Amino acid sequence: MNKNELAKFVGYWQKMGMMEQRMGYLYGYYSEDPNYPNGVRVNIEALYEPPQINDMNGFVELEDPNLYKVDQIASALGLEKVGHIFTKIDQDTFLNSHEIRRAATFQQQHIFDHPDGFKVSKFVTVVVQPKGDDVGVECYMVSDQCQALERDGVFGNTDNRKLLKVREPGPDDMVPTILTQGKGVKEIEPEFFIVSLAHGQP
C-alpha cells in the first residue's frame, strides 16, 4: 500500500549499484481476499530496516535494541509484522537454500490458530532483484512441510545455495528419511518447497 516507501528501499539499493544487499521487516494487516475461497490478503503499509551489515552477496542482521519499540508503535497504529523483504542479485534460484530456511524460520515464529484447528503462518517473503533492465518484485512463502522440517531440525548447514541438505544424525539421534519420487535423498532442490503468491499495488 505504501509505494513511496518501497521505492525508497529499492532506490537506495539501485544507487549503490545493487552491490549492497539489504533487508527489512514489513508491517501491515490481514484482510479477506475476495478472489479466493477463504482467501487472505496481506496489506503492507510500512517497511522497517534494522541494523545490518551489507555486501554484494547478502546481509547480516545485527541485534536491534529498538525492534520492540517498532513493534509497539506498529501495534498502536493497528499494524503487525507480516513479512520481510530483501534484495538479491543471485538469479540462479527463486529462493536459495539459505533464503528458504530463513523464510521457514520466520513463518514458524509467526503462526496463528486456523479456524479448522491447525496452526498456520501468513508471514510473507518479498524478493527484490534485477529483471532484465528493470527491477522485479516477487512474493513467496514456503510450504507447511518445509516449515515443519526446519522447526524440527531436519535441515543441516551447507555451502551449496542451490540445494537443501538433510543433516547427518548424531550418535543418540534420529533424522527421518526424506523421500523424493519414492527414493530417500540427502539433498533437495529449494524450488520443491516454494509457494508463489500473487501481488500488486493499489
N, C-alpha and C. Protein backbone atom coordinates (compact mmCIF):
# COMPACT_ATOMS: atom_id res chain seq x y z
N MET A 1 0.82 -1.20 0.00
CA MET A 1 0.00 0.00 0.00
C MET A 1 0.87 1.26 0.00
N ASN A 2 2.10 1.16 0.50
CA ASN A 2 2.97 2.32 0.62
C ASN A 2 4.03 2.27 -0.49
N LYS A 3 3.66 2.76 -1.66
CA LYS A 3 4.55 2.68 -2.82
C LYS A 3 5.81 3.52 -2.62
N ASN A 4 5.67 4.66 -1.95
CA ASN A 4 6.82 5.55 -1.77
C ASN A 4 7.91 4.89 -0.92
N GLU A 5 7.50 4.17 0.11
CA GLU A 5 8.49 3.54 0.98
C GLU A 5 9.20 2.40 0.26
N LEU A 6 8.48 1.65 -0.54
CA LEU A 6 9.10 0.59 -1.34
C LEU A 6 10.06 1.19 -2.36
N ALA A 7 9.65 2.28 -2.98
CA ALA A 7 10.51 2.94 -3.97
C ALA A 7 11.79 3.46 -3.33
N LYS A 8 11.70 3.94 -2.10
CA LYS A 8 12.87 4.43 -1.38
C LYS A 8 13.83 3.28 -1.08
N PHE A 9 13.28 2.14 -0.64
CA PHE A 9 14.08 0.96 -0.34
C PHE A 9 14.81 0.47 -1.60
N VAL A 10 14.08 0.36 -2.70
CA VAL A 10 14.67 -0.09 -3.96
C VAL A 10 15.63 0.94 -4.52
N GLY A 11 15.28 2.23 -4.39
CA GLY A 11 16.12 3.29 -4.92
C GLY A 11 17.49 3.35 -4.28
N TYR A 12 17.55 3.13 -2.97
CA TYR A 12 18.85 3.13 -2.29
C TYR A 12 19.70 1.97 -2.80
N TRP A 13 19.09 0.82 -2.95
CA TRP A 13 19.79 -0.36 -3.47
C TRP A 13 20.34 -0.09 -4.86
N GLN A 14 19.53 0.54 -5.71
CA GLN A 14 19.98 0.86 -7.07
C GLN A 14 21.10 1.89 -7.05
N LYS A 15 21.00 2.87 -6.15
CA LYS A 15 22.03 3.92 -6.05
C LYS A 15 23.38 3.33 -5.68
N MET A 16 23.38 2.23 -4.92
CA MET A 16 24.62 1.57 -4.53
C MET A 16 25.06 0.55 -5.58
N GLY A 17 24.47 0.65 -6.78
CA GLY A 17 24.85 -0.25 -7.86
C GLY A 17 24.40 -1.68 -7.65
N MET A 18 23.41 -1.87 -6.78
CA MET A 18 22.89 -3.19 -6.41
C MET A 18 23.96 -4.06 -5.75
N MET A 19 25.03 -3.44 -5.27
CA MET A 19 26.15 -4.17 -4.68
C MET A 19 26.05 -4.29 -3.17
N GLU A 20 25.05 -3.67 -2.57
CA GLU A 20 24.81 -3.80 -1.13
C GLU A 20 23.40 -4.35 -0.94
N GLN A 21 23.33 -5.64 -0.59
CA GLN A 21 22.02 -6.26 -0.40
C GLN A 21 21.46 -5.84 0.96
N ARG A 22 20.16 -5.58 1.00
CA ARG A 22 19.53 -5.07 2.22
C ARG A 22 18.29 -5.89 2.56
N MET A 23 17.86 -5.77 3.81
CA MET A 23 16.64 -6.45 4.23
C MET A 23 15.84 -5.52 5.13
N GLY A 24 14.57 -5.82 5.26
CA GLY A 24 13.71 -5.05 6.14
C GLY A 24 12.50 -5.88 6.55
N TYR A 25 11.82 -5.41 7.59
CA TYR A 25 10.59 -6.06 8.04
C TYR A 25 9.39 -5.28 7.51
N LEU A 26 8.35 -6.02 7.17
CA LEU A 26 7.14 -5.43 6.61
C LEU A 26 6.03 -5.43 7.65
N TYR A 27 5.37 -4.30 7.78
CA TYR A 27 4.27 -4.16 8.75
C TYR A 27 2.98 -3.83 8.01
N GLY A 28 1.90 -4.42 8.47
CA GLY A 28 0.62 -4.18 7.82
C GLY A 28 -0.48 -4.90 8.56
N TYR A 29 -1.47 -5.38 7.83
CA TYR A 29 -2.60 -6.07 8.44
C TYR A 29 -3.16 -7.08 7.43
N TYR A 30 -3.95 -7.99 7.93
CA TYR A 30 -4.56 -9.03 7.10
C TYR A 30 -6.04 -8.69 6.88
N SER A 31 -6.52 -9.07 5.70
CA SER A 31 -7.94 -8.90 5.40
C SER A 31 -8.38 -10.05 4.50
N GLU A 32 -9.68 -10.15 4.31
CA GLU A 32 -10.22 -11.20 3.45
C GLU A 32 -9.91 -10.87 1.99
N ASP A 33 -9.51 -11.88 1.24
CA ASP A 33 -9.27 -11.72 -0.19
C ASP A 33 -10.45 -12.32 -0.95
N PRO A 34 -11.27 -11.49 -1.60
CA PRO A 34 -12.48 -12.00 -2.26
C PRO A 34 -12.19 -12.81 -3.51
N ASN A 35 -10.93 -12.83 -3.98
CA ASN A 35 -10.60 -13.54 -5.22
C ASN A 35 -10.41 -15.04 -5.03
N TYR A 36 -10.30 -15.48 -3.76
CA TYR A 36 -10.05 -16.89 -3.48
C TYR A 36 -10.97 -17.36 -2.36
N PRO A 37 -11.44 -18.61 -2.41
CA PRO A 37 -12.25 -19.14 -1.30
C PRO A 37 -11.43 -19.14 -0.02
N ASN A 38 -11.96 -18.54 1.03
CA ASN A 38 -11.26 -18.41 2.31
C ASN A 38 -9.91 -17.72 2.16
N GLY A 39 -9.78 -16.87 1.15
CA GLY A 39 -8.51 -16.21 0.86
C GLY A 39 -8.13 -15.17 1.90
N VAL A 40 -6.83 -14.98 2.08
CA VAL A 40 -6.30 -13.98 2.99
C VAL A 40 -5.41 -13.03 2.21
N ARG A 41 -5.61 -11.76 2.40
CA ARG A 41 -4.79 -10.74 1.74
C ARG A 41 -3.89 -10.09 2.78
N VAL A 42 -2.61 -9.93 2.43
CA VAL A 42 -1.66 -9.23 3.29
C VAL A 42 -1.53 -7.81 2.76
N ASN A 43 -1.91 -6.84 3.55
CA ASN A 43 -1.82 -5.43 3.17
C ASN A 43 -0.61 -4.81 3.86
N ILE A 44 0.40 -4.47 3.08
CA ILE A 44 1.66 -3.96 3.63
C ILE A 44 1.64 -2.45 3.63
N GLU A 45 1.82 -1.86 4.81
CA GLU A 45 1.74 -0.42 4.97
C GLU A 45 3.09 0.24 5.27
N ALA A 46 4.03 -0.49 5.84
CA ALA A 46 5.28 0.14 6.28
C ALA A 46 6.44 -0.85 6.16
N LEU A 47 7.63 -0.30 6.09
CA LEU A 47 8.86 -1.08 5.98
C LEU A 47 9.87 -0.54 6.98
N TYR A 48 10.47 -1.43 7.76
CA TYR A 48 11.47 -1.02 8.75
C TYR A 48 12.76 -1.78 8.50
N GLU A 49 13.88 -1.05 8.36
CA GLU A 49 15.18 -1.67 8.14
C GLU A 49 15.97 -1.70 9.45
N PRO A 50 16.24 -2.88 10.00
CA PRO A 50 17.01 -2.98 11.24
C PRO A 50 18.49 -2.77 10.97
N PRO A 51 19.31 -2.60 12.01
CA PRO A 51 20.77 -2.51 11.81
C PRO A 51 21.28 -3.78 11.13
N GLN A 52 22.20 -3.62 10.19
CA GLN A 52 22.66 -4.77 9.42
C GLN A 52 24.00 -4.47 8.76
N ILE A 53 24.72 -5.52 8.42
CA ILE A 53 25.95 -5.42 7.64
C ILE A 53 25.64 -5.92 6.24
N ASN A 54 26.03 -5.14 5.25
CA ASN A 54 25.62 -5.44 3.88
C ASN A 54 26.83 -5.61 2.97
N ASP A 55 26.75 -6.56 2.05
CA ASP A 55 27.74 -6.66 0.99
C ASP A 55 27.06 -7.20 -0.26
N MET A 56 27.85 -7.52 -1.27
CA MET A 56 27.30 -7.92 -2.56
C MET A 56 26.51 -9.22 -2.47
N ASN A 57 26.95 -10.12 -1.59
CA ASN A 57 26.36 -11.46 -1.54
C ASN A 57 25.21 -11.61 -0.57
N GLY A 58 24.96 -10.59 0.26
CA GLY A 58 23.86 -10.72 1.22
C GLY A 58 23.98 -9.72 2.35
N PHE A 59 23.45 -10.10 3.49
CA PHE A 59 23.41 -9.21 4.64
C PHE A 59 23.46 -10.03 5.91
N VAL A 60 23.87 -9.38 6.99
CA VAL A 60 23.85 -9.99 8.32
C VAL A 60 23.08 -9.04 9.22
N GLU A 61 21.96 -9.51 9.73
CA GLU A 61 21.14 -8.68 10.62
C GLU A 61 21.81 -8.61 11.99
N LEU A 62 21.91 -7.41 12.54
CA LEU A 62 22.52 -7.20 13.84
C LEU A 62 21.45 -7.10 14.92
N GLU A 63 21.87 -7.25 16.16
CA GLU A 63 20.93 -7.11 17.27
C GLU A 63 20.37 -5.69 17.27
N ASP A 64 19.07 -5.59 17.43
CA ASP A 64 18.39 -4.29 17.34
C ASP A 64 17.66 -4.00 18.65
N PRO A 65 18.23 -3.13 19.50
CA PRO A 65 17.56 -2.83 20.77
C PRO A 65 16.26 -2.05 20.60
N ASN A 66 16.01 -1.52 19.41
CA ASN A 66 14.81 -0.72 19.19
C ASN A 66 13.67 -1.50 18.54
N LEU A 67 13.90 -2.77 18.22
CA LEU A 67 12.88 -3.51 17.49
C LEU A 67 11.57 -3.63 18.27
N TYR A 68 11.68 -3.81 19.59
CA TYR A 68 10.45 -3.93 20.39
C TYR A 68 9.66 -2.62 20.36
N LYS A 69 10.38 -1.49 20.27
CA LYS A 69 9.69 -0.19 20.19
C LYS A 69 8.96 -0.07 18.85
N VAL A 70 9.62 -0.53 17.80
CA VAL A 70 8.99 -0.51 16.47
C VAL A 70 7.72 -1.34 16.49
N ASP A 71 7.78 -2.53 17.11
CA ASP A 71 6.60 -3.39 17.20
C ASP A 71 5.49 -2.72 18.01
N GLN A 72 5.87 -2.01 19.08
CA GLN A 72 4.88 -1.33 19.92
C GLN A 72 4.19 -0.20 19.15
N ILE A 73 4.99 0.57 18.41
CA ILE A 73 4.42 1.68 17.62
C ILE A 73 3.49 1.13 16.54
N ALA A 74 3.94 0.04 15.88
CA ALA A 74 3.10 -0.57 14.84
C ALA A 74 1.78 -1.05 15.44
N SER A 75 1.85 -1.69 16.62
CA SER A 75 0.64 -2.19 17.27
C SER A 75 -0.30 -1.06 17.61
N ALA A 76 0.25 0.06 18.06
CA ALA A 76 -0.59 1.23 18.40
C ALA A 76 -1.28 1.78 17.16
N LEU A 77 -0.69 1.56 15.99
CA LEU A 77 -1.28 2.01 14.73
C LEU A 77 -2.18 0.96 14.09
N GLY A 78 -2.37 -0.17 14.79
CA GLY A 78 -3.21 -1.23 14.26
C GLY A 78 -2.49 -2.11 13.26
N LEU A 79 -1.14 -2.13 13.30
CA LEU A 79 -0.36 -2.91 12.36
C LEU A 79 0.42 -4.00 13.10
N GLU A 80 0.86 -4.99 12.36
CA GLU A 80 1.71 -6.04 12.92
C GLU A 80 2.74 -6.44 11.88
N LYS A 81 3.75 -7.19 12.33
CA LYS A 81 4.79 -7.65 11.41
C LYS A 81 4.20 -8.77 10.55
N VAL A 82 4.18 -8.56 9.23
CA VAL A 82 3.51 -9.51 8.33
C VAL A 82 4.47 -10.16 7.34
N GLY A 83 5.74 -9.73 7.31
CA GLY A 83 6.66 -10.31 6.36
C GLY A 83 8.02 -9.67 6.42
N HIS A 84 8.89 -10.12 5.53
CA HIS A 84 10.20 -9.49 5.41
C HIS A 84 10.53 -9.34 3.93
N ILE A 85 11.40 -8.39 3.63
CA ILE A 85 11.78 -8.07 2.26
C ILE A 85 13.30 -8.04 2.19
N PHE A 86 13.85 -8.48 1.06
CA PHE A 86 15.30 -8.37 0.89
C PHE A 86 15.64 -8.28 -0.59
N THR A 87 16.82 -7.76 -0.85
CA THR A 87 17.31 -7.64 -2.22
C THR A 87 18.31 -8.76 -2.48
N LYS A 88 18.48 -9.12 -3.76
CA LYS A 88 19.47 -10.13 -4.14
C LYS A 88 19.81 -9.95 -5.61
N ILE A 89 21.02 -10.34 -5.98
CA ILE A 89 21.39 -10.31 -7.39
C ILE A 89 21.56 -11.73 -7.93
N ASP A 90 21.58 -12.71 -7.05
CA ASP A 90 21.64 -14.12 -7.46
C ASP A 90 20.31 -14.51 -8.10
N GLN A 91 20.35 -14.87 -9.38
CA GLN A 91 19.13 -15.23 -10.09
C GLN A 91 19.10 -16.71 -10.48
N ASP A 92 20.00 -17.51 -9.88
CA ASP A 92 20.03 -18.93 -10.19
C ASP A 92 18.81 -19.66 -9.64
N THR A 93 18.26 -19.16 -8.54
CA THR A 93 17.09 -19.78 -7.92
C THR A 93 16.11 -18.68 -7.52
N PHE A 94 14.81 -19.04 -7.43
CA PHE A 94 13.83 -18.09 -6.92
C PHE A 94 14.18 -17.73 -5.48
N LEU A 95 14.41 -18.76 -4.66
CA LEU A 95 14.92 -18.62 -3.30
C LEU A 95 15.99 -19.69 -3.13
N ASN A 96 17.17 -19.31 -2.65
CA ASN A 96 18.21 -20.32 -2.46
C ASN A 96 18.01 -21.02 -1.11
N SER A 97 18.88 -21.97 -0.81
CA SER A 97 18.69 -22.80 0.39
C SER A 97 18.68 -21.98 1.67
N HIS A 98 19.56 -20.96 1.74
CA HIS A 98 19.61 -20.13 2.95
C HIS A 98 18.33 -19.29 3.09
N GLU A 99 17.86 -18.78 1.97
CA GLU A 99 16.65 -17.95 1.99
C GLU A 99 15.42 -18.78 2.33
N ILE A 100 15.38 -20.02 1.84
CA ILE A 100 14.28 -20.93 2.17
C ILE A 100 14.23 -21.16 3.68
N ARG A 101 15.38 -21.44 4.28
CA ARG A 101 15.42 -21.73 5.71
C ARG A 101 15.08 -20.50 6.54
N ARG A 102 15.50 -19.33 6.09
CA ARG A 102 15.15 -18.11 6.81
C ARG A 102 13.65 -17.86 6.74
N ALA A 103 13.05 -18.05 5.56
CA ALA A 103 11.60 -17.88 5.42
C ALA A 103 10.85 -18.86 6.31
N ALA A 104 11.32 -20.11 6.36
CA ALA A 104 10.67 -21.13 7.20
C ALA A 104 10.75 -20.75 8.68
N THR A 105 11.91 -20.23 9.10
CA THR A 105 12.08 -19.81 10.50
C THR A 105 11.13 -18.66 10.84
N PHE A 106 11.05 -17.67 9.96
CA PHE A 106 10.15 -16.54 10.19
C PHE A 106 8.70 -17.00 10.25
N GLN A 107 8.33 -17.89 9.34
CA GLN A 107 6.94 -18.37 9.33
C GLN A 107 6.61 -19.12 10.62
N GLN A 108 7.56 -19.89 11.13
CA GLN A 108 7.33 -20.62 12.36
C GLN A 108 7.20 -19.67 13.55
N GLN A 109 7.90 -18.55 13.50
CA GLN A 109 7.83 -17.56 14.59
C GLN A 109 6.52 -16.78 14.57
N HIS A 110 5.81 -16.81 13.46
CA HIS A 110 4.56 -16.05 13.32
C HIS A 110 3.44 -16.98 12.86
N ILE A 111 2.91 -17.76 13.80
CA ILE A 111 1.85 -18.70 13.47
C ILE A 111 0.54 -18.29 14.15
N PHE A 112 -0.56 -18.71 13.54
CA PHE A 112 -1.89 -18.37 14.02
C PHE A 112 -2.71 -19.66 14.15
N ASP A 113 -3.76 -19.59 14.92
CA ASP A 113 -4.70 -20.71 15.02
C ASP A 113 -5.73 -20.58 13.90
N HIS A 114 -5.71 -21.52 12.98
CA HIS A 114 -6.68 -21.54 11.89
C HIS A 114 -8.03 -21.97 12.44
N PRO A 115 -9.15 -21.48 11.86
CA PRO A 115 -10.48 -21.90 12.34
C PRO A 115 -10.68 -23.42 12.34
N ASP A 116 -9.97 -24.15 11.48
CA ASP A 116 -10.10 -25.61 11.44
C ASP A 116 -9.26 -26.29 12.51
N GLY A 117 -8.54 -25.50 13.33
CA GLY A 117 -7.77 -26.09 14.42
C GLY A 117 -6.29 -26.25 14.15
N PHE A 118 -5.85 -25.93 12.93
CA PHE A 118 -4.44 -26.05 12.61
C PHE A 118 -3.70 -24.77 12.96
N LYS A 119 -2.39 -24.90 13.16
CA LYS A 119 -1.55 -23.71 13.34
C LYS A 119 -0.89 -23.41 12.01
N VAL A 120 -1.14 -22.23 11.49
CA VAL A 120 -0.63 -21.86 10.16
C VAL A 120 0.05 -20.49 10.25
N SER A 121 0.82 -20.19 9.21
CA SER A 121 1.51 -18.90 9.14
C SER A 121 0.99 -18.11 7.96
N LYS A 122 1.03 -16.79 8.08
CA LYS A 122 0.67 -15.90 6.98
C LYS A 122 1.80 -14.90 6.71
N PHE A 123 3.01 -15.25 7.18
CA PHE A 123 4.17 -14.37 7.08
C PHE A 123 4.80 -14.51 5.69
N VAL A 124 4.93 -13.40 4.95
CA VAL A 124 5.35 -13.45 3.56
C VAL A 124 6.83 -13.06 3.39
N THR A 125 7.39 -13.51 2.30
CA THR A 125 8.77 -13.18 1.91
C THR A 125 8.71 -12.44 0.59
N VAL A 126 9.26 -11.23 0.55
CA VAL A 126 9.26 -10.40 -0.66
C VAL A 126 10.70 -10.26 -1.15
N VAL A 127 10.92 -10.57 -2.42
CA VAL A 127 12.26 -10.56 -3.00
C VAL A 127 12.33 -9.48 -4.07
N VAL A 128 13.37 -8.65 -3.99
CA VAL A 128 13.63 -7.62 -4.99
C VAL A 128 14.93 -8.00 -5.70
N GLN A 129 14.88 -8.13 -7.03
CA GLN A 129 16.08 -8.49 -7.77
C GLN A 129 16.02 -7.95 -9.19
N PRO A 130 17.17 -7.87 -9.87
CA PRO A 130 17.16 -7.38 -11.25
C PRO A 130 16.28 -8.27 -12.14
N LYS A 131 15.61 -7.63 -13.07
CA LYS A 131 14.77 -8.37 -14.01
C LYS A 131 14.94 -7.69 -15.37
N GLY A 132 15.92 -8.19 -16.15
CA GLY A 132 16.27 -7.52 -17.39
C GLY A 132 16.88 -6.16 -17.08
N ASP A 133 16.34 -5.12 -17.70
CA ASP A 133 16.82 -3.77 -17.44
C ASP A 133 16.03 -3.10 -16.32
N ASP A 134 15.12 -3.84 -15.71
CA ASP A 134 14.25 -3.27 -14.68
C ASP A 134 14.49 -4.00 -13.36
N VAL A 135 13.63 -3.74 -12.40
CA VAL A 135 13.69 -4.40 -11.09
C VAL A 135 12.41 -5.19 -10.89
N GLY A 136 12.54 -6.43 -10.49
CA GLY A 136 11.37 -7.27 -10.25
C GLY A 136 11.10 -7.45 -8.78
N VAL A 137 9.83 -7.49 -8.41
CA VAL A 137 9.41 -7.73 -7.03
C VAL A 137 8.53 -8.97 -7.04
N GLU A 138 8.94 -10.00 -6.29
CA GLU A 138 8.18 -11.24 -6.22
C GLU A 138 7.89 -11.59 -4.76
N CYS A 139 6.76 -12.27 -4.55
CA CYS A 139 6.33 -12.63 -3.19
C CYS A 139 6.19 -14.15 -3.07
N TYR A 140 6.67 -14.67 -1.95
CA TYR A 140 6.66 -16.11 -1.73
C TYR A 140 6.31 -16.44 -0.28
N MET A 141 5.97 -17.70 -0.07
CA MET A 141 6.03 -18.36 1.22
C MET A 141 6.70 -19.70 0.98
N VAL A 142 7.04 -20.41 2.04
CA VAL A 142 7.46 -21.80 1.88
C VAL A 142 6.35 -22.68 2.41
N SER A 143 6.33 -23.93 1.98
CA SER A 143 5.24 -24.84 2.33
C SER A 143 5.24 -25.17 3.82
N ASP A 144 4.08 -25.61 4.31
CA ASP A 144 3.98 -26.05 5.72
C ASP A 144 4.96 -27.18 6.00
N GLN A 145 5.17 -28.04 5.01
CA GLN A 145 6.11 -29.16 5.17
C GLN A 145 7.53 -28.65 5.41
N CYS A 146 7.95 -27.67 4.62
CA CYS A 146 9.28 -27.08 4.78
C CYS A 146 9.41 -26.41 6.14
N GLN A 147 8.37 -25.69 6.53
CA GLN A 147 8.36 -25.02 7.84
C GLN A 147 8.54 -26.04 8.96
N ALA A 148 7.88 -27.20 8.86
CA ALA A 148 7.98 -28.23 9.89
C ALA A 148 9.36 -28.89 9.90
N LEU A 149 9.95 -29.09 8.72
CA LEU A 149 11.29 -29.70 8.64
C LEU A 149 12.34 -28.78 9.27
N GLU A 150 12.21 -27.48 9.04
CA GLU A 150 13.14 -26.53 9.67
C GLU A 150 12.90 -26.46 11.17
N ARG A 151 11.64 -26.44 11.58
CA ARG A 151 11.29 -26.39 13.00
C ARG A 151 11.89 -27.59 13.75
N ASP A 152 11.84 -28.76 13.12
CA ASP A 152 12.28 -29.99 13.79
C ASP A 152 13.76 -30.30 13.58
N GLY A 153 14.51 -29.36 12.98
CA GLY A 153 15.95 -29.53 12.86
C GLY A 153 16.37 -30.61 11.88
N VAL A 154 15.60 -30.81 10.81
CA VAL A 154 15.95 -31.84 9.83
C VAL A 154 17.01 -31.32 8.85
N PHE A 155 16.95 -30.04 8.52
CA PHE A 155 17.92 -29.48 7.58
C PHE A 155 19.26 -29.25 8.27
N GLY A 156 20.33 -29.42 7.51
CA GLY A 156 21.68 -29.17 8.00
C GLY A 156 22.31 -28.01 7.26
N ASN A 157 23.43 -27.53 7.77
CA ASN A 157 24.15 -26.42 7.13
C ASN A 157 24.85 -26.90 5.87
N THR A 158 24.87 -26.04 4.87
CA THR A 158 25.55 -26.35 3.62
C THR A 158 26.00 -25.06 2.95
N ASP A 159 27.11 -25.14 2.22
CA ASP A 159 27.58 -24.00 1.44
C ASP A 159 26.94 -23.97 0.06
N ASN A 160 26.24 -25.04 -0.30
CA ASN A 160 25.58 -25.11 -1.60
C ASN A 160 24.26 -24.38 -1.54
N ARG A 161 24.18 -23.24 -2.18
CA ARG A 161 22.98 -22.42 -2.11
C ARG A 161 21.85 -22.95 -3.01
N LYS A 162 22.18 -23.96 -3.86
CA LYS A 162 21.16 -24.49 -4.78
C LYS A 162 20.47 -25.73 -4.25
N LEU A 163 20.92 -26.24 -3.08
CA LEU A 163 20.34 -27.46 -2.54
C LEU A 163 20.19 -27.36 -1.03
N LEU A 164 19.07 -27.85 -0.52
CA LEU A 164 18.88 -28.01 0.91
C LEU A 164 19.43 -29.37 1.31
N LYS A 165 20.12 -29.43 2.41
CA LYS A 165 20.78 -30.67 2.84
C LYS A 165 20.10 -31.22 4.08
N VAL A 166 19.86 -32.54 4.08
CA VAL A 166 19.36 -33.23 5.27
C VAL A 166 20.55 -33.50 6.18
N ARG A 167 20.46 -33.10 7.44
CA ARG A 167 21.62 -33.21 8.32
C ARG A 167 21.89 -34.67 8.69
N GLU A 168 23.14 -34.92 9.04
CA GLU A 168 23.53 -36.25 9.48
C GLU A 168 23.15 -36.43 10.95
N PRO A 169 22.58 -37.57 11.32
CA PRO A 169 22.19 -37.78 12.72
C PRO A 169 23.40 -37.98 13.62
N GLY A 170 23.24 -37.58 14.89
CA GLY A 170 24.28 -37.80 15.87
C GLY A 170 24.21 -39.21 16.43
N PRO A 171 25.08 -39.54 17.41
CA PRO A 171 25.11 -40.91 17.95
C PRO A 171 23.81 -41.31 18.66
N ASP A 172 23.14 -40.39 19.33
CA ASP A 172 21.88 -40.69 20.03
C ASP A 172 20.73 -39.90 19.40
N ASP A 173 20.73 -39.88 18.09
CA ASP A 173 19.81 -39.01 17.37
C ASP A 173 19.21 -39.79 16.21
N MET A 174 18.09 -39.30 15.69
CA MET A 174 17.48 -39.92 14.52
C MET A 174 16.91 -38.82 13.63
N VAL A 175 17.21 -38.90 12.35
CA VAL A 175 16.70 -37.96 11.37
C VAL A 175 15.82 -38.74 10.39
N PRO A 176 14.59 -38.30 10.16
CA PRO A 176 13.71 -39.05 9.26
C PRO A 176 14.25 -39.05 7.83
N THR A 177 13.88 -40.08 7.10
CA THR A 177 14.26 -40.17 5.69
C THR A 177 13.34 -39.27 4.87
N ILE A 178 13.92 -38.46 4.02
CA ILE A 178 13.15 -37.59 3.13
C ILE A 178 13.02 -38.30 1.79
N LEU A 179 11.79 -38.49 1.34
CA LEU A 179 11.53 -39.21 0.09
C LEU A 179 11.20 -38.24 -1.03
N THR A 180 11.85 -38.43 -2.17
CA THR A 180 11.51 -37.71 -3.39
C THR A 180 11.35 -38.73 -4.50
N GLN A 181 10.17 -38.79 -5.08
CA GLN A 181 9.84 -39.78 -6.12
C GLN A 181 10.09 -41.19 -5.61
N GLY A 182 9.76 -41.43 -4.33
CA GLY A 182 9.86 -42.75 -3.76
C GLY A 182 11.25 -43.17 -3.32
N LYS A 183 12.24 -42.28 -3.42
CA LYS A 183 13.61 -42.62 -3.05
C LYS A 183 14.09 -41.70 -1.93
N GLY A 184 14.84 -42.25 -0.98
CA GLY A 184 15.42 -41.45 0.08
C GLY A 184 16.53 -40.57 -0.47
N VAL A 185 16.51 -39.28 -0.10
CA VAL A 185 17.51 -38.34 -0.61
C VAL A 185 18.14 -37.59 0.56
N LYS A 186 19.35 -37.08 0.32
CA LYS A 186 20.06 -36.27 1.31
C LYS A 186 20.09 -34.79 0.92
N GLU A 187 19.71 -34.49 -0.33
CA GLU A 187 19.68 -33.11 -0.80
C GLU A 187 18.39 -32.88 -1.58
N ILE A 188 17.83 -31.67 -1.43
CA ILE A 188 16.55 -31.35 -2.04
C ILE A 188 16.66 -29.98 -2.70
N GLU A 189 16.10 -29.84 -3.89
CA GLU A 189 16.10 -28.54 -4.57
C GLU A 189 15.14 -27.59 -3.84
N PRO A 190 15.56 -26.34 -3.61
CA PRO A 190 14.70 -25.38 -2.88
C PRO A 190 13.33 -25.17 -3.52
N GLU A 191 13.28 -25.25 -4.87
CA GLU A 191 12.01 -24.98 -5.56
C GLU A 191 10.89 -25.92 -5.13
N PHE A 192 11.26 -27.08 -4.60
CA PHE A 192 10.28 -28.06 -4.15
C PHE A 192 9.35 -27.49 -3.08
N PHE A 193 9.85 -26.52 -2.30
CA PHE A 193 9.09 -26.01 -1.15
C PHE A 193 8.49 -24.62 -1.36
N ILE A 194 8.70 -24.02 -2.52
CA ILE A 194 8.30 -22.62 -2.72
C ILE A 194 6.83 -22.51 -3.09
N VAL A 195 6.13 -21.58 -2.46
CA VAL A 195 4.75 -21.26 -2.80
C VAL A 195 4.73 -19.82 -3.31
N SER A 196 4.40 -19.62 -4.59
CA SER A 196 4.35 -18.28 -5.15
C SER A 196 3.04 -17.59 -4.78
N LEU A 197 3.12 -16.29 -4.52
CA LEU A 197 1.94 -15.52 -4.14
C LEU A 197 1.66 -14.45 -5.18
N ALA A 198 0.39 -14.22 -5.45
CA ALA A 198 0.01 -13.10 -6.31
C ALA A 198 0.22 -11.81 -5.54
N HIS A 199 0.63 -10.76 -6.24
CA HIS A 199 0.86 -9.48 -5.55
C HIS A 199 0.56 -8.34 -6.50
N GLY A 200 0.44 -7.16 -5.94
CA GLY A 200 0.18 -5.99 -6.74
C GLY A 200 0.17 -4.74 -5.89
N GLN A 201 0.03 -3.60 -6.57
CA GLN A 201 -0.03 -2.31 -5.88
C GLN A 201 -1.38 -1.67 -6.13
N PRO A 202 -1.84 -0.87 -5.19
CA PRO A 202 -3.15 -0.23 -5.38
C PRO A 202 -3.14 0.77 -6.51
